[in-house]
Amino acid sequence: QLVESGGGLVQPGESLKLSCAAFGFQFNVYGMNWYRQAPGKQREWVAGISSGGTPTYADLVKGRSTISRDNAENTVYLQMNGLKPEDTAAYYCNARLLRDDFWGQGTQVTVSS
């Protein structure tokens, strides 16, 4: 199970830190990802972090976001800075290993003045 938190309404230029707590599986061996889905659009990959802690980012957030993981707390984070209205979306946490593919319920991020 994955449980996201940390979303909310912010103004353009502000920051948010999303969290995703994992339960019921061996978190430290899974690759973790953040995806987002805006209304009327397909879900898109935002960032990922390997089991070893190597981060990767989509161009749409590169330089503005940092993904990290705390294996002791079974939690993955997404720090987002310089938020833009186009970042408005539901953000989903994903855990993936071989054929295992777990998803959270999402947390809403709204960027608006």
Protein backbone atom coordinates (compact mmCIF):
# COMPACT_ATOMS: atom_id res chain seq x y z
CA GLN A 1 0.00 0.00 0.00
CA LEU A 2 1.15 3.53 -0.82
CA VAL A 3 -0.25 6.62 0.87
CA GLU A 4 0.56 10.06 -0.52
CA SER A 5 0.34 13.33 1.40
CA GLY A 6 1.52 16.91 1.19
CA GLY A 7 -0.55 18.25 -1.66
CA GLY A 8 -2.45 21.50 -1.47
CA LEU A 9 -3.16 24.89 -2.98
CA VAL A 10 -0.16 27.13 -3.51
CA GLN A 11 0.65 30.27 -5.44
CA PRO A 12 2.97 30.30 -8.46
CA GLY A 13 6.59 30.26 -7.41
CA GLU A 14 5.95 28.53 -4.10
CA SER A 15 7.13 25.09 -2.99
CA LEU A 16 5.58 21.85 -1.81
CA LYS A 17 7.02 18.61 -0.50
CA LEU A 18 5.02 15.49 -1.26
CA SER A 19 5.43 12.33 0.78
CA CYS A 20 4.56 8.74 0.03
CA ALA A 21 4.55 6.19 2.83
CA ALA A 22 4.84 2.53 1.88
CA PHE A 23 3.35 -0.40 3.75
CA GLY A 24 3.32 -4.14 3.28
CA PHE A 25 6.29 -4.75 1.00
CA GLN A 26 10.07 -4.58 1.11
CA PHE A 27 10.37 -0.90 0.27
CA ASN A 28 14.15 -0.73 0.04
CA VAL A 29 14.36 -3.02 -3.01
CA TYR A 30 11.74 -1.24 -5.08
CA GLY A 31 12.22 1.54 -7.54
CA MET A 32 9.95 4.42 -6.65
CA ASN A 33 8.34 6.94 -8.96
CA TRP A 34 6.12 9.97 -8.97
CA TYR A 35 3.59 10.48 -11.74
CA ARG A 36 1.01 13.17 -12.27
CA GLN A 37 -2.25 13.51 -14.11
CA ALA A 38 -3.95 16.78 -14.97
CA PRO A 39 -7.64 16.90 -15.85
CA GLY A 40 -8.23 15.68 -19.38
CA LYS A 41 -4.64 14.58 -19.83
CA GLN A 42 -2.79 11.29 -19.65
CA ARG A 43 -0.81 10.34 -16.61
CA GLU A 44 2.86 11.34 -17.04
CA TRP A 45 6.02 10.33 -15.28
CA VAL A 46 7.63 13.06 -13.17
CA ALA A 47 10.59 11.54 -11.36
CA GLY A 48 12.01 8.25 -10.17
CA ILE A 49 14.57 6.95 -7.72
CA SER A 50 16.22 3.56 -7.85
CA SER A 51 16.54 1.21 -4.91
CA GLY A 52 20.12 2.42 -4.67
CA GLY A 53 19.06 6.05 -4.49
CA THR A 54 19.82 7.23 -8.03
CA PRO A 55 17.32 9.92 -9.08
CA THR A 56 16.01 10.66 -12.56
CA TYR A 57 13.70 13.43 -13.69
CA ALA A 58 11.40 14.29 -16.53
CA ASP A 59 12.38 17.43 -18.39
CA LEU A 60 9.19 19.10 -17.22
CA VAL A 61 10.45 19.25 -13.61
CA LYS A 62 14.22 18.96 -13.99
CA GLY A 63 15.97 21.64 -11.99
CA ARG A 64 12.86 22.43 -9.98
CA SER A 65 12.26 19.16 -8.16
CA THR A 66 14.15 16.71 -5.99
CA ILE A 67 13.13 13.12 -5.36
CA SER A 68 14.53 11.35 -2.32
CA ARG A 69 13.86 8.27 -0.26
CA ASP A 70 14.25 7.26 3.36
CA ASN A 71 14.45 3.49 3.55
CA ALA A 72 14.35 3.55 7.35
CA GLU A 73 10.98 5.31 7.19
CA ASN A 74 9.72 3.48 4.06
CA THR A 75 8.97 6.85 2.53
CA VAL A 76 9.71 8.60 -0.74
CA TYR A 77 9.54 12.36 -1.15
CA LEU A 78 9.16 14.84 -3.97
CA GLN A 79 10.29 18.38 -3.22
CA MET A 80 8.89 20.76 -5.81
CA ASN A 81 10.09 24.35 -6.10
CA GLY A 82 9.11 27.19 -8.37
CA LEU A 83 5.68 25.71 -8.94
CA LYS A 84 3.78 26.81 -12.03
CA PRO A 85 0.07 26.67 -12.85
CA GLU A 86 0.84 23.91 -15.34
CA ASP A 87 2.07 21.77 -12.45
CA THR A 88 -1.53 21.51 -11.27
CA ALA A 89 -2.41 17.82 -11.21
CA ALA A 90 -3.06 14.82 -9.04
CA TYR A 91 0.32 13.37 -8.06
CA TYR A 92 0.66 9.61 -7.68
CA CYS A 93 3.31 7.50 -6.03
CA ASN A 94 4.37 4.25 -7.72
CA ALA A 95 6.50 1.32 -6.56
CA ARG A 96 7.89 -1.00 -9.19
CA LEU A 97 9.97 -4.19 -9.16
CA LEU A 98 9.81 -6.78 -11.92
CA ARG A 99 6.10 -7.55 -12.27
CA ASP A 100 5.08 -5.75 -9.09
CA ASP A 101 3.52 -2.36 -9.80
CA PHE A 102 1.83 -0.57 -6.87
CA TRP A 103 0.03 2.76 -6.95
CA GLY A 104 -1.22 5.17 -4.36
CA GLN A 105 -4.50 7.06 -4.45
CA GLY A 106 -2.91 10.39 -5.28
CA THR A 107 -2.61 13.82 -3.72
CA GLN A 108 -3.87 16.97 -5.42
CA VAL A 109 -1.53 19.86 -6.16
CA THR A 110 -3.13 23.10 -7.33
CA VAL A 111 -1.02 26.07 -8.33
CA SER A 112 -3.04 29.22 -8.69
CA SER A 113 -2.95 32.87 -7.77
